[in-house]
Amino acid sequence: MLVSLPLANMGWGNHMSDWGAGWWILMAFLMVAFWGLVIVGIVWLVRSLTATSHGHGASTAIEVLEHRLANGEISPEEYRERRDTLSGRKAGDEAPKS
C-alpha cells in the first residue's frame, strides 16, 4: 500500500511543464557548449604551457647555430664555416658590409 504525502500532491515535481520542449533543447545545447568550451580551454592551456620560447618551435638554421655557439657546443671557427655555408658564401669571401 502506498502512502501519499501531502507535498507529493502540490506539483513540486512538475513545475516546468508549461515551458514546453524548448527549455530542454536549450539546456542540452548549453550543456554541450559548456563542455566544449571546457575542453577547448584545457587544450589551449596545455599547448601554451608546452610551447617553446621561440614562438611555435620554428627556428631558423642560423638561430640554431648561434644557440650552439653560445652553449659552447661548437667553436667560433666552426660557427663561421657553417654560417658561411648556410648563407651561400664561400669560406674565403668577406661578409657583406652594412
Protein backbone atom coordinates (compact mmCIF):
# COMPACT_ATOMS: atom_id res chain seq x y z
CA MET A 1 0.00 0.00 0.00
CA LEU A 2 1.36 3.39 -0.99
CA VAL A 3 1.20 6.25 1.42
CA SER A 4 0.57 9.61 -0.18
CA LEU A 5 2.47 12.53 1.32
CA PRO A 6 0.81 15.93 1.31
CA LEU A 7 3.77 17.53 -0.51
CA ALA A 8 3.63 14.96 -3.31
CA ASN A 9 0.32 16.39 -4.49
CA MET A 10 1.45 20.03 -4.58
CA GLY A 11 3.05 19.82 -8.05
CA TRP A 12 6.66 20.25 -6.94
CA GLY A 13 7.95 17.72 -9.45
CA ASN A 14 6.12 19.28 -12.39
CA HIS A 15 6.95 22.97 -12.01
CA MET A 16 8.30 23.48 -15.57
CA SER A 17 5.66 21.61 -17.54
CA ASP A 18 4.23 24.77 -19.09
CA TRP A 19 7.57 25.77 -20.68
CA GLY A 20 7.42 23.07 -23.33
CA ALA A 21 10.24 21.22 -25.09
CA GLY A 22 12.15 24.41 -25.96
CA TRP A 23 13.58 24.61 -22.45
CA TRP A 24 15.06 21.12 -22.63
CA ILE A 25 16.53 21.71 -26.11
CA LEU A 26 18.12 24.93 -24.87
CA MET A 27 19.55 23.23 -21.78
CA ALA A 28 21.00 20.37 -23.89
CA PHE A 29 22.64 22.88 -26.24
CA LEU A 30 24.08 24.91 -23.36
CA MET A 31 25.46 21.78 -21.72
CA VAL A 32 27.25 20.74 -24.92
CA ALA A 33 28.55 24.30 -25.42
CA PHE A 34 29.83 24.47 -21.82
CA TRP A 35 31.74 21.19 -22.03
CA GLY A 36 33.07 22.14 -25.45
CA LEU A 37 34.46 25.38 -24.00
CA VAL A 38 35.99 23.49 -21.08
CA ILE A 39 37.75 21.08 -23.46
CA VAL A 40 38.96 23.89 -25.74
CA GLY A 41 40.27 25.76 -22.69
CA ILE A 42 42.20 22.74 -21.43
CA VAL A 43 43.73 22.11 -24.88
CA TRP A 44 44.73 25.78 -25.17
CA LEU A 45 46.27 25.75 -21.69
CA VAL A 46 48.29 22.59 -22.36
CA ARG A 47 49.54 23.90 -25.70
CA SER A 48 50.54 27.27 -24.24
CA LEU A 49 52.40 25.63 -21.35
CA THR A 50 54.31 23.23 -23.61
CA ALA A 51 55.21 25.76 -26.33
CA THR A 52 58.87 26.66 -26.69
CA SER A 53 60.17 30.17 -26.17
CA HIS A 54 60.90 30.55 -29.91
CA GLY A 55 57.28 31.10 -30.86
CA HIS A 56 55.82 27.83 -32.08
CA GLY A 57 59.09 25.93 -32.13
CA ALA A 58 60.17 27.13 -35.58
CA SER A 59 63.83 28.18 -35.56
CA THR A 60 66.00 29.07 -38.50
CA ALA A 61 69.23 27.21 -39.07
CA ILE A 62 71.24 30.33 -38.21
CA GLU A 63 69.41 30.66 -34.85
CA VAL A 64 70.20 27.03 -34.02
CA LEU A 65 73.82 27.61 -34.99
CA GLU A 66 74.03 30.74 -32.81
CA HIS A 67 72.49 28.82 -29.92
CA ARG A 68 75.04 26.02 -30.29
CA LEU A 69 77.89 28.56 -30.31
CA ALA A 70 76.50 30.28 -27.21
CA ASN A 71 76.29 26.93 -25.39
CA GLY A 72 79.87 26.09 -26.35
CA GLU A 73 78.89 23.09 -28.45
CA ILE A 74 80.89 24.37 -31.45
CA SER A 75 83.98 26.55 -31.81
CA PRO A 76 83.88 30.08 -33.30
CA GLU A 77 85.75 28.80 -36.38
CA GLU A 78 83.20 26.03 -36.91
CA TYR A 79 80.43 28.58 -36.39
CA ARG A 80 81.83 30.89 -39.10
CA GLU A 81 82.34 27.99 -41.50
CA ARG A 82 78.79 26.68 -41.06
CA ARG A 83 77.26 30.18 -41.17
CA ASP A 84 79.06 30.85 -44.45
CA THR A 85 77.80 27.55 -45.83
CA LEU A 86 74.23 28.36 -44.79
CA SER A 87 74.34 31.87 -46.21
CA GLY A 88 75.79 30.66 -49.54
CA ARG A 89 79.19 32.32 -49.22
CA LYS A 90 82.48 30.56 -49.76
CA ALA A 91 84.95 30.30 -46.91
CA GLY A 92 87.32 32.96 -48.37
CA ASP A 93 84.61 35.52 -49.18
CA GLU A 94 84.10 38.54 -46.98
CA ALA A 95 80.82 39.17 -45.28
CA PRO A 96 78.72 41.95 -46.83
CA LYS A 97 79.27 45.29 -45.11
CA SER A 98 76.27 47.14 -43.81
